[in-house]
Structure formats: C-alpha cells, structure tokens
Amino acid sequence: MELEELEKRAKKIRFDIVRMLCKAGSGHPGGSLSAVELMTALYFDQLKHNPKKPDWEDRDRVIFSKGHACPVLYASLAESGY
C-alpha cells in the first residue's frame, strides 16, 4: 500500500479512536493514539490476514497486550473490514 493511503487510513483510525472515547466518556487517548502508525503499518501493509476468513489457518496473529489502548485495535480491525 502506498504511503499516502496508509496516512489516510491512520487519520481515519485516529478519528475513530477520539469518537469512540468521547462516546464512552472515558479512556486513555494517548495510549491508543501513540500506536496508530504501528497498527496501520501492521494491518494494512505487513500482516497476512483476511477479514472475510477470520479463521484462516495461515493468517498472522497479533498479541496486543497494551490493554488501555484497545481502542486502536478496535478501530484498526474495523477499518480492515472485520
């Protein structure tokens, strides 16, 4: 994926994180926002995955233990089509 498209996706993910946290009325925006570029690079450039086949045996797996930053994971998965 081209850099310009990755930047567009990252911007959308940032917007979704802020909207999610505002709607929830709580959360830690810094933790999620600081991981946007990482998750964008993984989900849109590096990982082998298929939202239409989430049980695909050869898919890459992500273990994201930064629990207070789960909005970035949720937004990245949603933007990926899950």
N, C-alpha and C. Protein backbone atom coordinates (compact mmCIF):
# COMPACT_ATOMS: atom_id res chain seq x y z
N MET A 1 0.85 -1.17 0.00
CA MET A 1 0.00 0.00 0.00
C MET A 1 0.89 1.24 0.00
N GLU A 2 0.50 2.23 -0.74
CA GLU A 2 1.27 3.48 -0.85
C GLU A 2 1.20 4.29 0.45
N LEU A 3 2.22 5.08 0.69
CA LEU A 3 2.31 5.89 1.91
C LEU A 3 1.10 6.80 2.07
N GLU A 4 0.65 7.42 1.00
CA GLU A 4 -0.50 8.33 1.08
C GLU A 4 -1.76 7.60 1.56
N GLU A 5 -1.96 6.39 1.09
CA GLU A 5 -3.12 5.60 1.52
C GLU A 5 -2.98 5.18 2.98
N LEU A 6 -1.77 4.82 3.40
CA LEU A 6 -1.53 4.48 4.81
C LEU A 6 -1.82 5.68 5.70
N GLU A 7 -1.40 6.86 5.27
CA GLU A 7 -1.66 8.08 6.05
C GLU A 7 -3.16 8.36 6.15
N LYS A 8 -3.91 8.14 5.07
CA LYS A 8 -5.36 8.31 5.09
C LYS A 8 -6.02 7.35 6.08
N ARG A 9 -5.57 6.11 6.06
CA ARG A 9 -6.12 5.11 6.98
C ARG A 9 -5.79 5.46 8.42
N ALA A 10 -4.56 5.91 8.67
CA ALA A 10 -4.17 6.30 10.03
C ALA A 10 -5.01 7.46 10.52
N LYS A 11 -5.28 8.42 9.66
CA LYS A 11 -6.11 9.57 10.04
C LYS A 11 -7.52 9.12 10.40
N LYS A 12 -8.08 8.19 9.63
CA LYS A 12 -9.43 7.67 9.90
C LYS A 12 -9.44 6.92 11.22
N ILE A 13 -8.41 6.14 11.48
CA ILE A 13 -8.32 5.40 12.74
C ILE A 13 -8.23 6.36 13.92
N ARG A 14 -7.43 7.42 13.79
CA ARG A 14 -7.35 8.43 14.86
C ARG A 14 -8.72 9.03 15.14
N PHE A 15 -9.43 9.40 14.07
CA PHE A 15 -10.77 9.98 14.22
C PHE A 15 -11.69 8.99 14.96
N ASP A 16 -11.64 7.73 14.57
CA ASP A 16 -12.50 6.72 15.20
C ASP A 16 -12.16 6.54 16.67
N ILE A 17 -10.88 6.60 17.02
CA ILE A 17 -10.47 6.47 18.42
C ILE A 17 -11.05 7.62 19.24
N VAL A 18 -10.88 8.84 18.77
CA VAL A 18 -11.38 10.00 19.50
C VAL A 18 -12.90 9.93 19.64
N ARG A 19 -13.58 9.56 18.56
CA ARG A 19 -15.04 9.44 18.60
C ARG A 19 -15.46 8.36 19.60
N MET A 20 -14.76 7.23 19.59
CA MET A 20 -15.07 6.12 20.49
C MET A 20 -14.92 6.55 21.96
N LEU A 21 -13.81 7.22 22.26
CA LEU A 21 -13.56 7.63 23.64
C LEU A 21 -14.52 8.72 24.10
N CYS A 22 -14.87 9.64 23.20
CA CYS A 22 -15.84 10.68 23.55
C CYS A 22 -17.20 10.07 23.84
N LYS A 23 -17.59 9.14 23.00
CA LYS A 23 -18.90 8.49 23.18
C LYS A 23 -18.92 7.69 24.49
N ALA A 24 -17.81 7.05 24.82
CA ALA A 24 -17.73 6.26 26.05
C ALA A 24 -17.63 7.16 27.28
N GLY A 25 -17.12 8.37 27.10
CA GLY A 25 -16.96 9.27 28.23
C GLY A 25 -15.77 8.93 29.11
N SER A 26 -14.91 8.04 28.65
CA SER A 26 -13.72 7.69 29.41
C SER A 26 -12.72 7.00 28.48
N GLY A 27 -11.54 6.77 29.00
CA GLY A 27 -10.49 6.11 28.23
C GLY A 27 -9.21 6.90 28.25
N HIS A 28 -8.18 6.32 27.69
CA HIS A 28 -6.85 6.92 27.66
C HIS A 28 -6.46 7.18 26.20
N PRO A 29 -6.72 8.36 25.69
CA PRO A 29 -6.44 8.62 24.27
C PRO A 29 -4.97 8.50 23.90
N GLY A 30 -4.07 8.89 24.80
CA GLY A 30 -2.64 8.88 24.47
C GLY A 30 -2.12 7.50 24.11
N GLY A 31 -2.51 6.51 24.86
CA GLY A 31 -2.06 5.14 24.59
C GLY A 31 -2.49 4.64 23.24
N SER A 32 -3.73 4.92 22.89
CA SER A 32 -4.25 4.49 21.58
C SER A 32 -3.65 5.30 20.45
N LEU A 33 -3.62 6.61 20.61
CA LEU A 33 -3.14 7.48 19.54
C LEU A 33 -1.65 7.26 19.26
N SER A 34 -0.90 6.87 20.28
CA SER A 34 0.54 6.65 20.07
C SER A 34 0.83 5.35 19.31
N ALA A 35 -0.16 4.49 19.17
CA ALA A 35 0.04 3.21 18.49
C ALA A 35 -0.61 3.17 17.10
N VAL A 36 -1.17 4.28 16.64
CA VAL A 36 -1.88 4.30 15.35
C VAL A 36 -0.97 3.91 14.20
N GLU A 37 0.21 4.48 14.11
CA GLU A 37 1.10 4.18 12.99
C GLU A 37 1.53 2.72 13.00
N LEU A 38 1.81 2.19 14.18
CA LEU A 38 2.19 0.79 14.31
C LEU A 38 1.08 -0.12 13.79
N MET A 39 -0.14 0.09 14.27
CA MET A 39 -1.25 -0.76 13.87
C MET A 39 -1.60 -0.58 12.39
N THR A 40 -1.49 0.64 11.89
CA THR A 40 -1.76 0.89 10.47
C THR A 40 -0.75 0.14 9.61
N ALA A 41 0.52 0.22 9.97
CA ALA A 41 1.55 -0.49 9.21
C ALA A 41 1.33 -2.00 9.25
N LEU A 42 0.96 -2.51 10.42
CA LEU A 42 0.73 -3.94 10.53
C LEU A 42 -0.46 -4.39 9.71
N TYR A 43 -1.62 -3.79 9.97
CA TYR A 43 -2.86 -4.28 9.36
C TYR A 43 -3.02 -3.94 7.88
N PHE A 44 -2.34 -2.91 7.41
CA PHE A 44 -2.53 -2.51 6.01
C PHE A 44 -1.29 -2.70 5.14
N ASP A 45 -0.21 -3.22 5.71
CA ASP A 45 1.00 -3.40 4.90
C ASP A 45 1.76 -4.69 5.21
N GLN A 46 1.75 -5.16 6.43
CA GLN A 46 2.63 -6.26 6.81
C GLN A 46 1.94 -7.59 7.08
N LEU A 47 0.84 -7.58 7.79
CA LEU A 47 0.20 -8.83 8.22
C LEU A 47 -0.49 -9.56 7.08
N LYS A 48 -0.44 -10.89 7.15
CA LYS A 48 -1.25 -11.72 6.27
C LYS A 48 -2.55 -12.01 7.02
N HIS A 49 -3.65 -11.43 6.54
CA HIS A 49 -4.95 -11.67 7.17
C HIS A 49 -6.04 -11.43 6.14
N ASN A 50 -7.22 -11.94 6.44
CA ASN A 50 -8.35 -11.80 5.53
C ASN A 50 -9.62 -11.64 6.36
N PRO A 51 -10.20 -10.44 6.38
CA PRO A 51 -11.40 -10.21 7.18
C PRO A 51 -12.57 -11.11 6.78
N LYS A 52 -12.59 -11.57 5.54
CA LYS A 52 -13.66 -12.46 5.09
C LYS A 52 -13.45 -13.90 5.56
N LYS A 53 -12.22 -14.20 6.00
CA LYS A 53 -11.89 -15.53 6.50
C LYS A 53 -11.11 -15.39 7.81
N PRO A 54 -11.76 -14.94 8.89
CA PRO A 54 -11.02 -14.71 10.14
C PRO A 54 -10.45 -15.98 10.76
N ASP A 55 -10.93 -17.14 10.31
CA ASP A 55 -10.40 -18.40 10.85
C ASP A 55 -9.35 -19.04 9.93
N TRP A 56 -8.86 -18.28 8.94
CA TRP A 56 -7.82 -18.75 8.02
C TRP A 56 -6.62 -19.22 8.82
N GLU A 57 -6.25 -20.46 8.65
CA GLU A 57 -5.20 -21.06 9.46
C GLU A 57 -3.82 -20.43 9.27
N ASP A 58 -3.52 -19.94 8.07
CA ASP A 58 -2.19 -19.37 7.80
C ASP A 58 -2.09 -17.87 8.06
N ARG A 59 -3.11 -17.29 8.69
CA ARG A 59 -3.08 -15.85 8.97
C ARG A 59 -2.02 -15.55 10.02
N ASP A 60 -1.54 -14.33 10.01
CA ASP A 60 -0.67 -13.87 11.09
C ASP A 60 -1.52 -13.55 12.30
N ARG A 61 -0.93 -13.67 13.47
CA ARG A 61 -1.63 -13.35 14.72
C ARG A 61 -0.97 -12.14 15.37
N VAL A 62 -1.78 -11.35 16.05
CA VAL A 62 -1.28 -10.19 16.77
C VAL A 62 -1.65 -10.36 18.24
N ILE A 63 -0.67 -10.22 19.11
CA ILE A 63 -0.93 -10.20 20.55
C ILE A 63 -0.64 -8.78 20.99
N PHE A 64 -1.69 -8.09 21.37
CA PHE A 64 -1.60 -6.67 21.73
C PHE A 64 -1.91 -6.56 23.21
N SER A 65 -0.89 -6.49 24.05
CA SER A 65 -1.08 -6.53 25.49
C SER A 65 -1.21 -5.16 26.14
N LYS A 66 -1.26 -4.12 25.32
CA LYS A 66 -1.41 -2.76 25.83
C LYS A 66 -2.91 -2.50 26.03
N GLY A 67 -3.48 -3.12 27.08
CA GLY A 67 -4.92 -3.16 27.27
C GLY A 67 -5.62 -1.82 27.30
N HIS A 68 -4.98 -0.81 27.89
CA HIS A 68 -5.63 0.51 27.96
C HIS A 68 -5.68 1.19 26.60
N ALA A 69 -5.04 0.59 25.59
CA ALA A 69 -5.04 1.16 24.24
C ALA A 69 -5.87 0.31 23.28
N CYS A 70 -6.80 -0.47 23.81
CA CYS A 70 -7.60 -1.33 22.93
C CYS A 70 -8.41 -0.56 21.89
N PRO A 71 -8.76 0.73 22.09
CA PRO A 71 -9.46 1.43 21.00
C PRO A 71 -8.69 1.45 19.68
N VAL A 72 -7.37 1.49 19.72
CA VAL A 72 -6.62 1.47 18.46
C VAL A 72 -6.75 0.11 17.77
N LEU A 73 -6.82 -0.95 18.54
CA LEU A 73 -7.03 -2.27 17.95
C LEU A 73 -8.43 -2.37 17.36
N TYR A 74 -9.44 -1.94 18.12
CA TYR A 74 -10.82 -1.99 17.62
C TYR A 74 -10.98 -1.17 16.35
N ALA A 75 -10.42 0.04 16.33
CA ALA A 75 -10.54 0.91 15.16
C ALA A 75 -9.79 0.33 13.96
N SER A 76 -8.63 -0.26 14.20
CA SER A 76 -7.85 -0.87 13.11
C SER A 76 -8.57 -2.08 12.52
N LEU A 77 -9.13 -2.89 13.39
CA LEU A 77 -9.89 -4.06 12.91
C LEU A 77 -11.11 -3.62 12.11
N ALA A 78 -11.82 -2.61 12.60
CA ALA A 78 -13.00 -2.12 11.89
C ALA A 78 -12.61 -1.55 10.53
N GLU A 79 -11.55 -0.78 10.49
CA GLU A 79 -11.09 -0.19 9.22
C GLU A 79 -10.61 -1.28 8.26
N SER A 80 -10.14 -2.40 8.80
CA SER A 80 -9.69 -3.53 7.98
C SER A 80 -10.85 -4.34 7.42
N GLY A 81 -12.03 -4.13 7.97
CA GLY A 81 -13.19 -4.85 7.46
C GLY A 81 -13.69 -5.97 8.35
N TYR A 82 -13.16 -6.08 9.56
CA TYR A 82 -13.64 -7.11 10.48
C TYR A 82 -14.93 -6.67 11.15
